[in-house]
Amino acid sequence: PATQIPRITAETLAATEMSPVQRHLIDQWKAADLTVILMP
């Protein structure tokens, strides 16, 4: 629950600016040399 992953909503689709949380997630993804995704 402490991990913020915004969901697509009518409000996010209508937003004219990216939220700080999404900006952080994008910057984090782009900066990574290696990403490990583990999923059932």
Full PDB file with SEQRES, HELIX, SHEET, SSBOND, CRYST1, ORIGX, SCALE, CONECT and MASTER records, all heavy atoms in Angstrom:
SEQRES   1 A   40  PRO ALA THR GLN ILE PRO ARG ILE THR ALA GLU THR LEU          
SEQRES   2 A   40  ALA ALA THR GLU MET SER PRO VAL GLN ARG HIS LEU ILE          
SEQRES   3 A   40  ASP GLN TRP LYS ALA ALA ASP LEU THR VAL ILE LEU MET          
SEQRES   4 A   40  PRO                                                          
HELIX    1 AA1 ALA A   10  ALA A   14  1                                   5    
HELIX    2 AA2 PRO A   20  ALA A   31  1                                  12    
CRYST1    1.000    1.000    1.000  90.00  90.00  90.00 P 1           1          
ORIGX1      1.000000  0.000000  0.000000        0.00000                         
ORIGX2      0.000000  1.000000  0.000000        0.00000                         
ORIGX3      0.000000  0.000000  1.000000        0.00000                         
SCALE1      1.000000  0.000000  0.000000        0.00000                         
SCALE2      0.000000  1.000000  0.000000        0.00000                         
SCALE3      0.000000  0.000000  1.000000        0.00000                         
ATOM      1  N   PRO A   1       0.804  -1.229   0.000  1.00  0.00           N  
ATOM      2  CA  PRO A   1       0.000   0.000   0.000  1.00  0.00           C  
ATOM      3  C   PRO A   1       0.834   1.274   0.000  1.00  0.00           C  
ATOM      4  O   PRO A   1       0.357   2.332  -0.425  1.00  0.00           O  
ATOM      5  CB  PRO A   1      -0.819  -0.122   1.292  1.00  0.00           C  
ATOM      6  CG  PRO A   1      -0.892  -1.589   1.560  1.00  0.00           C  
ATOM      7  CD  PRO A   1       0.428  -2.144   1.087  1.00  0.00           C  
ATOM      8  N   ALA A   2       2.069   1.172   0.456  1.00  0.00           N  
ATOM      9  CA  ALA A   2       2.938   2.352   0.481  1.00  0.00           C  
ATOM     10  C   ALA A   2       3.459   2.714  -0.905  1.00  0.00           C  
ATOM     11  O   ALA A   2       3.967   3.824  -1.108  1.00  0.00           O  
ATOM     12  CB  ALA A   2       4.110   2.109   1.429  1.00  0.00           C  
ATOM     13  N   THR A   3       3.351   1.797  -1.857  1.00  0.00           N  
ATOM     14  CA  THR A   3       3.816   2.044  -3.218  1.00  0.00           C  
ATOM     15  C   THR A   3       2.701   2.708  -4.019  1.00  0.00           C  
ATOM     16  O   THR A   3       1.624   2.139  -4.181  1.00  0.00           O  
ATOM     17  CB  THR A   3       4.231   0.735  -3.910  1.00  0.00           C  
ATOM     18  OG1 THR A   3       5.260   0.114  -3.132  1.00  0.00           O  
ATOM     19  CG2 THR A   3       4.741   1.003  -5.310  1.00  0.00           C  
ATOM     20  N   GLN A   4       2.962   3.895  -4.501  1.00  0.00           N  
ATOM     21  CA  GLN A   4       1.949   4.637  -5.249  1.00  0.00           C  
ATOM     22  C   GLN A   4       2.064   4.333  -6.741  1.00  0.00           C  
ATOM     23  O   GLN A   4       3.075   4.660  -7.372  1.00  0.00           O  
ATOM     24  CB  GLN A   4       2.100   6.138  -5.015  1.00  0.00           C  
ATOM     25  CG  GLN A   4       1.865   6.569  -3.579  1.00  0.00           C  
ATOM     26  CD  GLN A   4       1.915   8.074  -3.437  1.00  0.00           C  
ATOM     27  OE1 GLN A   4       1.171   8.806  -4.092  1.00  0.00           O  
ATOM     28  NE2 GLN A   4       2.793   8.542  -2.567  1.00  0.00           N  
ATOM     29  N   ILE A   5       1.025   3.696  -7.276  1.00  0.00           N  
ATOM     30  CA  ILE A   5       0.943   3.413  -8.705  1.00  0.00           C  
ATOM     31  C   ILE A   5      -0.415   3.946  -9.168  1.00  0.00           C  
ATOM     32  O   ILE A   5      -1.441   3.274  -9.012  1.00  0.00           O  
ATOM     33  CB  ILE A   5       1.050   1.902  -9.010  1.00  0.00           C  
ATOM     34  CG1 ILE A   5       2.288   1.276  -8.353  1.00  0.00           C  
ATOM     35  CG2 ILE A   5       1.055   1.673 -10.522  1.00  0.00           C  
ATOM     36  CD1 ILE A   5       3.603   1.731  -8.925  1.00  0.00           C  
ATOM     37  N   PRO A   6      -0.465   5.146  -9.721  1.00  0.00           N  
ATOM     38  CA  PRO A   6      -1.754   5.715 -10.120  1.00  0.00           C  
ATOM     39  C   PRO A   6      -2.475   4.847 -11.154  1.00  0.00           C  
ATOM     40  O   PRO A   6      -1.840   4.253 -12.035  1.00  0.00           O  
ATOM     41  CB  PRO A   6      -1.366   7.069 -10.724  1.00  0.00           C  
ATOM     42  CG  PRO A   6      -0.036   7.394 -10.115  1.00  0.00           C  
ATOM     43  CD  PRO A   6       0.652   6.072  -9.951  1.00  0.00           C  
ATOM     44  N   ARG A   7      -3.788   4.783 -11.037  1.00  0.00           N  
ATOM     45  CA  ARG A   7      -4.613   4.068 -12.003  1.00  0.00           C  
ATOM     46  C   ARG A   7      -5.218   5.069 -12.986  1.00  0.00           C  
ATOM     47  O   ARG A   7      -5.443   6.230 -12.658  1.00  0.00           O  
ATOM     48  CB  ARG A   7      -5.734   3.300 -11.310  1.00  0.00           C  
ATOM     49  CG  ARG A   7      -5.251   2.286 -10.290  1.00  0.00           C  
ATOM     50  CD  ARG A   7      -6.333   1.293  -9.949  1.00  0.00           C  
ATOM     51  NE  ARG A   7      -6.555   0.366 -11.066  1.00  0.00           N  
ATOM     52  CZ  ARG A   7      -7.426  -0.631 -11.033  1.00  0.00           C  
ATOM     53  NH1 ARG A   7      -8.173  -0.823  -9.969  1.00  0.00           N  
ATOM     54  NH2 ARG A   7      -7.566  -1.426 -12.071  1.00  0.00           N  
ATOM     55  N   ILE A   8      -5.475   4.599 -14.202  1.00  0.00           N  
ATOM     56  CA  ILE A   8      -6.129   5.452 -15.186  1.00  0.00           C  
ATOM     57  C   ILE A   8      -7.570   5.711 -14.763  1.00  0.00           C  
ATOM     58  O   ILE A   8      -8.318   4.781 -14.466  1.00  0.00           O  
ATOM     59  CB  ILE A   8      -6.093   4.795 -16.578  1.00  0.00           C  
ATOM     60  CG1 ILE A   8      -4.662   4.765 -17.117  1.00  0.00           C  
ATOM     61  CG2 ILE A   8      -6.992   5.546 -17.556  1.00  0.00           C  
ATOM     62  CD1 ILE A   8      -4.539   4.106 -18.461  1.00  0.00           C  
ATOM     63  N   THR A   9      -7.933   6.975 -14.727  1.00  0.00           N  
ATOM     64  CA  THR A   9      -9.307   7.381 -14.408  1.00  0.00           C  
ATOM     65  C   THR A   9      -9.694   8.492 -15.384  1.00  0.00           C  
ATOM     66  O   THR A   9      -8.864   9.002 -16.152  1.00  0.00           O  
ATOM     67  CB  THR A   9      -9.412   7.916 -12.974  1.00  0.00           C  
ATOM     68  OG1 THR A   9      -8.607   9.114 -12.860  1.00  0.00           O  
ATOM     69  CG2 THR A   9      -8.925   6.894 -11.955  1.00  0.00           C  
ATOM     70  N   ALA A  10     -10.936   8.892 -15.322  1.00  0.00           N  
ATOM     71  CA  ALA A  10     -11.379  10.014 -16.148  1.00  0.00           C  
ATOM     72  C   ALA A  10     -10.574  11.269 -15.818  1.00  0.00           C  
ATOM     73  O   ALA A  10     -10.233  12.065 -16.708  1.00  0.00           O  
ATOM     74  CB  ALA A  10     -12.872  10.269 -15.928  1.00  0.00           C  
ATOM     75  N   GLU A  11     -10.233  11.428 -14.539  1.00  0.00           N  
ATOM     76  CA  GLU A  11      -9.478  12.608 -14.111  1.00  0.00           C  
ATOM     77  C   GLU A  11      -8.049  12.582 -14.657  1.00  0.00           C  
ATOM     78  O   GLU A  11      -7.541  13.609 -15.116  1.00  0.00           O  
ATOM     79  CB  GLU A  11      -9.454  12.695 -12.581  1.00  0.00           C  
ATOM     80  CG  GLU A  11     -10.778  13.075 -11.937  1.00  0.00           C  
ATOM     81  CD  GLU A  11     -11.792  11.938 -11.957  1.00  0.00           C  
ATOM     82  OE1 GLU A  11     -11.380  10.752 -12.111  1.00  0.00           O  
ATOM     83  OE2 GLU A  11     -12.995  12.229 -11.821  1.00  0.00           O  
ATOM     84  N   THR A  12      -7.391  11.416 -14.597  1.00  0.00           N  
ATOM     85  CA  THR A  12      -6.019  11.361 -15.095  1.00  0.00           C  
ATOM     86  C   THR A  12      -5.974  11.546 -16.609  1.00  0.00           C  
ATOM     87  O   THR A  12      -5.043  12.153 -17.143  1.00  0.00           O  
ATOM     88  CB  THR A  12      -5.344  10.028 -14.714  1.00  0.00           C  
ATOM     89  OG1 THR A  12      -6.086   8.937 -15.291  1.00  0.00           O  
ATOM     90  CG2 THR A  12      -5.288   9.848 -13.210  1.00  0.00           C  
ATOM     91  N   LEU A  13      -6.983  11.055 -17.313  1.00  0.00           N  
ATOM     92  CA  LEU A  13      -7.022  11.228 -18.768  1.00  0.00           C  
ATOM     93  C   LEU A  13      -7.245  12.690 -19.153  1.00  0.00           C  
ATOM     94  O   LEU A  13      -6.762  13.153 -20.189  1.00  0.00           O  
ATOM     95  CB  LEU A  13      -8.125  10.356 -19.369  1.00  0.00           C  
ATOM     96  CG  LEU A  13      -7.878   8.851 -19.360  1.00  0.00           C  
ATOM     97  CD1 LEU A  13      -9.108   8.105 -19.872  1.00  0.00           C  
ATOM     98  CD2 LEU A  13      -6.664   8.482 -20.201  1.00  0.00           C  
ATOM     99  N   ALA A  14      -7.968  13.400 -18.308  1.00  0.00           N  
ATOM    100  CA  ALA A  14      -8.266  14.799 -18.603  1.00  0.00           C  
ATOM    101  C   ALA A  14      -7.177  15.753 -18.114  1.00  0.00           C  
ATOM    102  O   ALA A  14      -7.172  16.932 -18.484  1.00  0.00           O  
ATOM    103  CB  ALA A  14      -9.601  15.183 -17.968  1.00  0.00           C  
ATOM    104  N   ALA A  15      -6.267  15.256 -17.310  1.00  0.00           N  
ATOM    105  CA  ALA A  15      -5.232  16.114 -16.724  1.00  0.00           C  
ATOM    106  C   ALA A  15      -4.332  16.702 -17.805  1.00  0.00           C  
ATOM    107  O   ALA A  15      -3.978  16.032 -18.781  1.00  0.00           O  
ATOM    108  CB  ALA A  15      -4.409  15.327 -15.719  1.00  0.00           C  
ATOM    109  N   THR A  16      -3.965  17.944 -17.638  1.00  0.00           N  
ATOM    110  CA  THR A  16      -3.077  18.603 -18.602  1.00  0.00           C  
ATOM    111  C   THR A  16      -1.614  18.498 -18.183  1.00  0.00           C  
ATOM    112  O   THR A  16      -0.720  18.784 -18.982  1.00  0.00           O  
ATOM    113  CB  THR A  16      -3.456  20.088 -18.745  1.00  0.00           C  
ATOM    114  OG1 THR A  16      -3.404  20.710 -17.456  1.00  0.00           O  
ATOM    115  CG2 THR A  16      -4.865  20.216 -19.319  1.00  0.00           C  
ATOM    116  N   GLU A  17      -1.367  18.093 -16.943  1.00  0.00           N  
ATOM    117  CA  GLU A  17      -0.001  17.918 -16.457  1.00  0.00           C  
ATOM    118  C   GLU A  17       0.145  16.550 -15.814  1.00  0.00           C  
ATOM    119  O   GLU A  17      -0.803  16.023 -15.223  1.00  0.00           O  
ATOM    120  CB  GLU A  17       0.361  19.005 -15.445  1.00  0.00           C  
ATOM    121  CG  GLU A  17       0.430  20.403 -16.027  1.00  0.00           C  
ATOM    122  CD  GLU A  17       0.909  21.420 -15.012  1.00  0.00           C  
ATOM    123  OE1 GLU A  17       1.199  21.002 -13.859  1.00  0.00           O  
ATOM    124  OE2 GLU A  17       0.985  22.609 -15.350  1.00  0.00           O  
ATOM    125  N   MET A  18       1.331  15.998 -15.936  1.00  0.00           N  
ATOM    126  CA  MET A  18       1.631  14.709 -15.340  1.00  0.00           C  
ATOM    127  C   MET A  18       1.779  14.854 -13.825  1.00  0.00           C  
ATOM    128  O   MET A  18       2.352  15.836 -13.341  1.00  0.00           O  
ATOM    129  CB  MET A  18       2.931  14.161 -15.950  1.00  0.00           C  
ATOM    130  CG  MET A  18       3.306  12.774 -15.511  1.00  0.00           C  
ATOM    131  SD  MET A  18       4.836  12.247 -16.327  1.00  0.00           S  
ATOM    132  CE  MET A  18       4.344  12.233 -18.051  1.00  0.00           C  
ATOM    133  N   SER A  19       1.286  13.877 -13.090  1.00  0.00           N  
ATOM    134  CA  SER A  19       1.415  13.926 -11.637  1.00  0.00           C  
ATOM    135  C   SER A  19       2.865  13.680 -11.233  1.00  0.00           C  
ATOM    136  O   SER A  19       3.616  13.012 -11.949  1.00  0.00           O  
ATOM    137  CB  SER A  19       0.526  12.872 -10.982  1.00  0.00           C  
ATOM    138  OG  SER A  19       1.061  11.571 -11.191  1.00  0.00           O  
ATOM    139  N   PRO A  20       3.287  14.203 -10.078  1.00  0.00           N  
ATOM    140  CA  PRO A  20       4.658  13.955  -9.604  1.00  0.00           C  
ATOM    141  C   PRO A  20       4.961  12.470  -9.432  1.00  0.00           C  
ATOM    142  O   PRO A  20       6.095  12.039  -9.675  1.00  0.00           O  
ATOM    143  CB  PRO A  20       4.702  14.691  -8.259  1.00  0.00           C  
ATOM    144  CG  PRO A  20       3.659  15.753  -8.373  1.00  0.00           C  
ATOM    145  CD  PRO A  20       2.568  15.146  -9.201  1.00  0.00           C  
ATOM    146  N   VAL A  21       3.964  11.678  -9.026  1.00  0.00           N  
ATOM    147  CA  VAL A  21       4.188  10.248  -8.843  1.00  0.00           C  
ATOM    148  C   VAL A  21       4.491   9.581 -10.192  1.00  0.00           C  
ATOM    149  O   VAL A  21       5.440   8.801 -10.307  1.00  0.00           O  
ATOM    150  CB  VAL A  21       2.954   9.583  -8.185  1.00  0.00           C  
ATOM    151  CG1 VAL A  21       3.115   8.065  -8.173  1.00  0.00           C  
ATOM    152  CG2 VAL A  21       2.765  10.100  -6.776  1.00  0.00           C  
ATOM    153  N   GLN A  22       3.705   9.898 -11.203  1.00  0.00           N  
ATOM    154  CA  GLN A  22       3.959   9.319 -12.524  1.00  0.00           C  
ATOM    155  C   GLN A  22       5.294   9.800 -13.074  1.00  0.00           C  
ATOM    156  O   GLN A  22       6.044   9.021 -13.665  1.00  0.00           O  
ATOM    157  CB  GLN A  22       2.838   9.666 -13.497  1.00  0.00           C  
ATOM    158  CG  GLN A  22       3.021   8.987 -14.855  1.00  0.00           C  
ATOM    159  CD  GLN A  22       1.913   9.289 -15.833  1.00  0.00           C  
ATOM    160  OE1 GLN A  22       1.171  10.254 -15.666  1.00  0.00           O  
ATOM    161  NE2 GLN A  22       1.795   8.468 -16.865  1.00  0.00           N  
ATOM    162  N   ARG A  23       5.606  11.058 -12.863  1.00  0.00           N  
ATOM    163  CA  ARG A  23       6.895  11.596 -13.322  1.00  0.00           C  
ATOM    164  C   ARG A  23       8.053  10.818 -12.696  1.00  0.00           C  
ATOM    165  O   ARG A  23       9.036  10.479 -13.380  1.00  0.00           O  
ATOM    166  CB  ARG A  23       6.992  13.073 -12.932  1.00  0.00           C  
ATOM    167  CG  ARG A  23       8.280  13.790 -13.305  1.00  0.00           C  
ATOM    168  CD  ARG A  23       8.324  14.078 -14.794  1.00  0.00           C  
ATOM    169  NE  ARG A  23       9.053  13.056 -15.524  1.00  0.00           N  
ATOM    170  CZ  ARG A  23       8.989  12.910 -16.841  1.00  0.00           C  
ATOM    171  NH1 ARG A  23       8.214  13.703 -17.568  1.00  0.00           N  
ATOM    172  NH2 ARG A  23       9.684  11.973 -17.432  1.00  0.00           N  
ATOM    173  N   HIS A  24       7.928  10.523 -11.418  1.00  0.00           N  
ATOM    174  CA  HIS A  24       8.974   9.752 -10.731  1.00  0.00           C  
ATOM    175  C   HIS A  24       9.086   8.344 -11.309  1.00  0.00           C  
ATOM    176  O   HIS A  24      10.201   7.852 -11.536  1.00  0.00           O  
ATOM    177  CB  HIS A  24       8.677   9.678  -9.239  1.00  0.00           C  
ATOM    178  CG  HIS A  24       9.592   8.752  -8.499  1.00  0.00           C  
ATOM    179  ND1 HIS A  24      10.916   9.035  -8.248  1.00  0.00           N  
ATOM    180  CD2 HIS A  24       9.375   7.494  -7.984  1.00  0.00           C  
ATOM    181  CE1 HIS A  24      11.470   8.030  -7.600  1.00  0.00           C  
ATOM    182  NE2 HIS A  24      10.562   7.089  -7.435  1.00  0.00           N  
ATOM    183  N   LEU A  25       7.948   7.686 -11.562  1.00  0.00           N  
ATOM    184  CA  LEU A  25       7.979   6.327 -12.101  1.00  0.00           C  
ATOM    185  C   LEU A  25       8.628   6.292 -13.479  1.00  0.00           C  
ATOM    186  O   LEU A  25       9.430   5.391 -13.782  1.00  0.00           O  
ATOM    187  CB  LEU A  25       6.556   5.763 -12.174  1.00  0.00           C  
ATOM    188  CG  LEU A  25       5.872   5.477 -10.839  1.00  0.00           C  
ATOM    189  CD1 LEU A  25       4.417   5.081 -11.071  1.00  0.00           C  
ATOM    190  CD2 LEU A  25       6.607   4.388 -10.060  1.00  0.00           C  
ATOM    191  N   ILE A  26       8.335   7.267 -14.314  1.00  0.00           N  
ATOM    192  CA  ILE A  26       8.930   7.322 -15.649  1.00  0.00           C  
ATOM    193  C   ILE A  26      10.432   7.566 -15.552  1.00  0.00           C  
ATOM    194  O   ILE A  26      11.226   6.892 -16.216  1.00  0.00           O  
ATOM    195  CB  ILE A  26       8.253   8.417 -16.493  1.00  0.00           C  
ATOM    196  CG1 ILE A  26       6.823   8.006 -16.836  1.00  0.00           C  
ATOM    197  CG2 ILE A  26       9.043   8.668 -17.782  1.00  0.00           C  
ATOM    198  CD1 ILE A  26       6.028   9.097 -17.533  1.00  0.00           C  
ATOM    199  N   ASP A  27      10.824   8.530 -14.748  1.00  0.00           N  
ATOM    200  CA  ASP A  27      12.256   8.839 -14.603  1.00  0.00           C  
ATOM    201  C   ASP A  27      13.013   7.643 -14.040  1.00  0.00           C  
ATOM    202  O   ASP A  27      14.137   7.347 -14.466  1.00  0.00           O  
ATOM    203  CB  ASP A  27      12.447  10.050 -13.692  1.00  0.00           C  
ATOM    204  CG  ASP A  27      11.960  11.349 -14.335  1.00  0.00           C  
ATOM    205  OD1 ASP A  27      11.763  11.373 -15.570  1.00  0.00           O  
ATOM    206  OD2 ASP A  27      11.767  12.333 -13.591  1.00  0.00           O  
ATOM    207  N   GLN A  28      12.410   6.953 -13.094  1.00  0.00           N  
ATOM    208  CA  GLN A  28      13.022   5.765 -12.496  1.00  0.00           C  
ATOM    209  C   GLN A  28      13.202   4.681 -13.547  1.00  0.00           C  
ATOM    210  O   GLN A  28      14.264   4.050 -13.633  1.00  0.00           O  
ATOM    211  CB  GLN A  28      12.136   5.283 -11.356  1.00  0.00           C  
ATOM    212  CG  GLN A  28      12.677   4.105 -10.568  1.00  0.00           C  
ATOM    213  CD  GLN A  28      11.679   3.655  -9.502  1.00  0.00           C  
ATOM    214  OE1 GLN A  28      10.508   3.419  -9.798  1.00  0.00           O  
ATOM    215  NE2 GLN A  28      12.150   3.556  -8.260  1.00  0.00           N  
ATOM    216  N   TRP A  29      12.164   4.447 -14.351  1.00  0.00           N  
ATOM    217  CA  TRP A  29      12.238   3.425 -15.400  1.00  0.00           C  
ATOM    218  C   TRP A  29      13.306   3.768 -16.433  1.00  0.00           C  
ATOM    219  O   TRP A  29      14.118   2.925 -16.808  1.00  0.00           O  
ATOM    220  CB  TRP A  29      10.870   3.277 -16.070  1.00  0.00           C  
ATOM    221  CG  TRP A  29      10.875   2.356 -17.242  1.00  0.00           C  
ATOM    222  CD1 TRP A  29      11.007   2.698 -18.561  1.00  0.00           C  
ATOM    223  CD2 TRP A  29      10.793   0.921 -17.219  1.00  0.00           C  
ATOM    224  NE1 TRP A  29      10.994   1.578 -19.352  1.00  0.00           N  
ATOM    225  CE2 TRP A  29      10.869   0.480 -18.554  1.00  0.00           C  
ATOM    226  CE3 TRP A  29      10.656  -0.011 -16.194  1.00  0.00           C  
ATOM    227  CZ2 TRP A  29      10.812  -0.869 -18.896  1.00  0.00           C  
ATOM    228  CZ3 TRP A  29      10.604  -1.362 -16.528  1.00  0.00           C  
ATOM    229  CH2 TRP A  29      10.684  -1.780 -17.864  1.00  0.00           C  
ATOM    230  N   LYS A  30      13.344   5.002 -16.881  1.00  0.00           N  
ATOM    231  CA  LYS A  30      14.278   5.416 -17.928  1.00  0.00           C  
ATOM    232  C   LYS A  30      15.729   5.393 -17.436  1.00  0.00           C  
ATOM    233  O   LYS A  30      16.652   5.172 -18.226  1.00  0.00           O  
ATOM    234  CB  LYS A  30      13.904   6.807 -18.442  1.00  0.00           C  
ATOM    235  CG  LYS A  30      12.607   6.817 -19.233  1.00  0.00           C  
ATOM    236  CD  LYS A  30      12.035   8.218 -19.416  1.00  0.00           C  
ATOM    237  CE  LYS A  30      12.887   9.101 -20.264  1.00  0.00           C  
ATOM    238  NZ  LYS A  30      12.203  10.397 -20.544  1.00  0.00           N  
ATOM    239  N   ALA A  31      15.928   5.618 -16.145  1.00  0.00           N  
ATOM    240  CA  ALA A  31      17.287   5.678 -15.601  1.00  0.00           C  
ATOM    241  C   ALA A  31      17.884   4.308 -15.339  1.00  0.00           C  
ATOM    242  O   ALA A  31      19.105   4.180 -15.180  1.00  0.00           O  
ATOM    243  CB  ALA A  31      17.287   6.487 -14.305  1.00  0.00           C  
ATOM    244  N   ALA A  32      17.060   3.274 -15.305  1.00  0.00           N  
ATOM    245  CA  ALA A  32      17.538   1.940 -14.916  1.00  0.00           C  
ATOM    246  C   ALA A  32      18.412   1.309 -16.001  1.00  0.00           C  
ATOM    247  O   ALA A  32      18.120   1.407 -17.195  1.00  0.00           O  
ATOM    248  CB  ALA A  32      16.351   1.033 -14.619  1.00  0.00           C  
ATOM    249  N   ASP A  33      19.483   0.656 -15.572  1.00  0.00           N  
ATOM    250  CA  ASP A  33      20.300  -0.158 -16.478  1.00  0.00           C  
ATOM    251  C   ASP A  33      19.748  -1.573 -16.573  1.00  0.00           C  
ATOM    252  O   ASP A  33      19.902  -2.245 -17.592  1.00  0.00           O  
ATOM    253  CB  ASP A  33      21.753  -0.226 -15.975  1.00  0.00           C  
ATOM    254  CG  ASP A  33      22.421   1.133 -15.966  1.00  0.00           C  
ATOM    255  OD1 ASP A  33      22.330   1.850 -16.985  1.00  0.00           O  
ATOM    256  OD2 ASP A  33      23.017   1.494 -14.931  1.00  0.00           O  
ATOM    257  N   LEU A  34      19.127  -2.018 -15.491  1.00  0.00           N  
ATOM    258  CA  LEU A  34      18.601  -3.381 -15.409  1.00  0.00           C  
ATOM    259  C   LEU A  34      17.309  -3.364 -14.602  1.00  0.00           C  
ATOM    260  O   LEU A  34      17.267  -2.810 -13.509  1.00  0.00           O  
ATOM    261  CB  LEU A  34      19.626  -4.303 -14.737  1.00  0.00           C  
ATOM    262  CG  LEU A  34      19.178  -5.724 -14.382  1.00  0.00           C  
ATOM    263  CD1 LEU A  34      18.872  -6.523 -15.646  1.00  0.00           C  
ATOM    264  CD2 LEU A  34      20.258  -6.431 -13.559  1.00  0.00           C  
ATOM    265  N   THR A  35      16.270  -3.967 -15.154  1.00  0.00           N  
ATOM    266  CA  THR A  35      14.998  -4.077 -14.448  1.00  0.00           C  
ATOM    267  C   THR A  35      14.626  -5.548 -14.333  1.00  0.00           C  
ATOM    268  O   THR A  35      14.634  -6.274 -15.336  1.00  0.00           O  
ATOM    269  CB  THR A  35      13.876  -3.322 -15.188  1.00  0.00           C  
ATOM    270  OG1 THR A  35      14.210  -1.933 -15.264  1.00  0.00           O  
ATOM    271  CG2 THR A  35      12.548  -3.482 -14.457  1.00  0.00           C  
ATOM    272  N   VAL A  36      14.309  -5.963 -13.118  1.00  0.00           N  
ATOM    273  CA  VAL A  36      13.881  -7.339 -12.856  1.00  0.00           C  
ATOM    274  C   VAL A  36      12.403  -7.293 -12.471  1.00  0.00           C  
ATOM    275  O   VAL A  36      12.045  -6.669 -11.473  1.00  0.00           O  
ATOM    276  CB  VAL A  36      14.707  -7.978 -11.717  1.00  0.00           C  
ATOM    277  CG1 VAL A  36      14.318  -9.449 -11.552  1.00  0.00           C  
ATOM    278  CG2 VAL A  36      16.199  -7.841 -11.990  1.00  0.00           C  
ATOM    279  N   ILE A  37      11.568  -7.932 -13.268  1.00  0.00           N  
ATOM    280  CA  ILE A  37      10.125  -7.984 -13.010  1.00  0.00           C  
ATOM    281  C   ILE A  37       9.783  -9.408 -12.583  1.00  0.00           C  
ATOM    282  O   ILE A  37      10.003 -10.351 -13.342  1.00  0.00           O  
ATOM    283  CB  ILE A  37       9.317  -7.604 -14.261  1.00  0.00           C  
ATOM    284  CG1 ILE A  37       9.695  -6.201 -14.747  1.00  0.00           C  
ATOM    285  CG2 ILE A  37       7.815  -7.691 -13.981  1.00  0.00           C  
ATOM    286  CD1 ILE A  37       9.118  -5.837 -16.100  1.00  0.00           C  
ATOM    287  N   LEU A  38       9.251  -9.561 -11.388  1.00  0.00           N  
ATOM    288  CA  LEU A  38       8.909 -10.889 -10.863  1.00  0.00           C  
ATOM    289  C   LEU A  38       7.409 -10.937 -10.605  1.00  0.00           C  
ATOM    290  O   LEU A  38       6.878 -10.121  -9.850  1.00  0.00           O  
ATOM    291  CB  LEU A  38       9.682 -11.181  -9.582  1.00  0.00           C  
ATOM    292  CG  LEU A  38      11.212 -11.082  -9.694  1.00  0.00           C  
ATOM    293  CD1 LEU A  38      11.713  -9.805  -9.046  1.00  0.00           C  
ATOM    294  CD2 LEU A  38      11.894 -12.284  -9.078  1.00  0.00           C  
ATOM    295  N   MET A  39       6.725 -11.923 -11.225  1.00  0.00           N  
ATOM    296  CA  MET A  39       5.269 -11.925 -11.169  1.00  0.00           C  
ATOM    297  C   MET A  39       4.698 -13.331 -11.253  1.00  0.00           C  
ATOM    298  O   MET A  39       5.164 -14.142 -12.049  1.00  0.00           O  
ATOM    299  CB  MET A  39       4.729 -11.096 -12.342  1.00  0.00           C  
ATOM    300  CG  MET A  39       3.235 -10.843 -12.306  1.00  0.00           C  
ATOM    301  SD  MET A  39       2.551 -10.486 -13.951  1.00  0.00           S  
ATOM    302  CE  MET A  39       2.408 -12.171 -14.601  1.00  0.00           C  
ATOM    303  N   PRO A  40       3.662 -13.622 -10.468  1.00  0.00           N  
ATOM    304  CA  PRO A  40       2.941 -14.881 -10.648  1.00  0.00           C  
ATOM    305  C   PRO A  40       1.930 -14.717 -11.784  1.00  0.00           C  
ATOM    306  O   PRO A  40       1.238 -13.689 -11.861  1.00  0.00           O  
ATOM    307  CB  PRO A  40       2.224 -15.070  -9.304  1.00  0.00           C  
ATOM    308  CG  PRO A  40       1.959 -13.670  -8.850  1.00  0.00           C  
ATOM    309  CD  PRO A  40       3.118 -12.839  -9.339  1.00  0.00           C  
TER     310      PRO A  40                                                      
MASTER        0    0    0    2    0    0    0    6  309    1    0    4          
END                                                                             
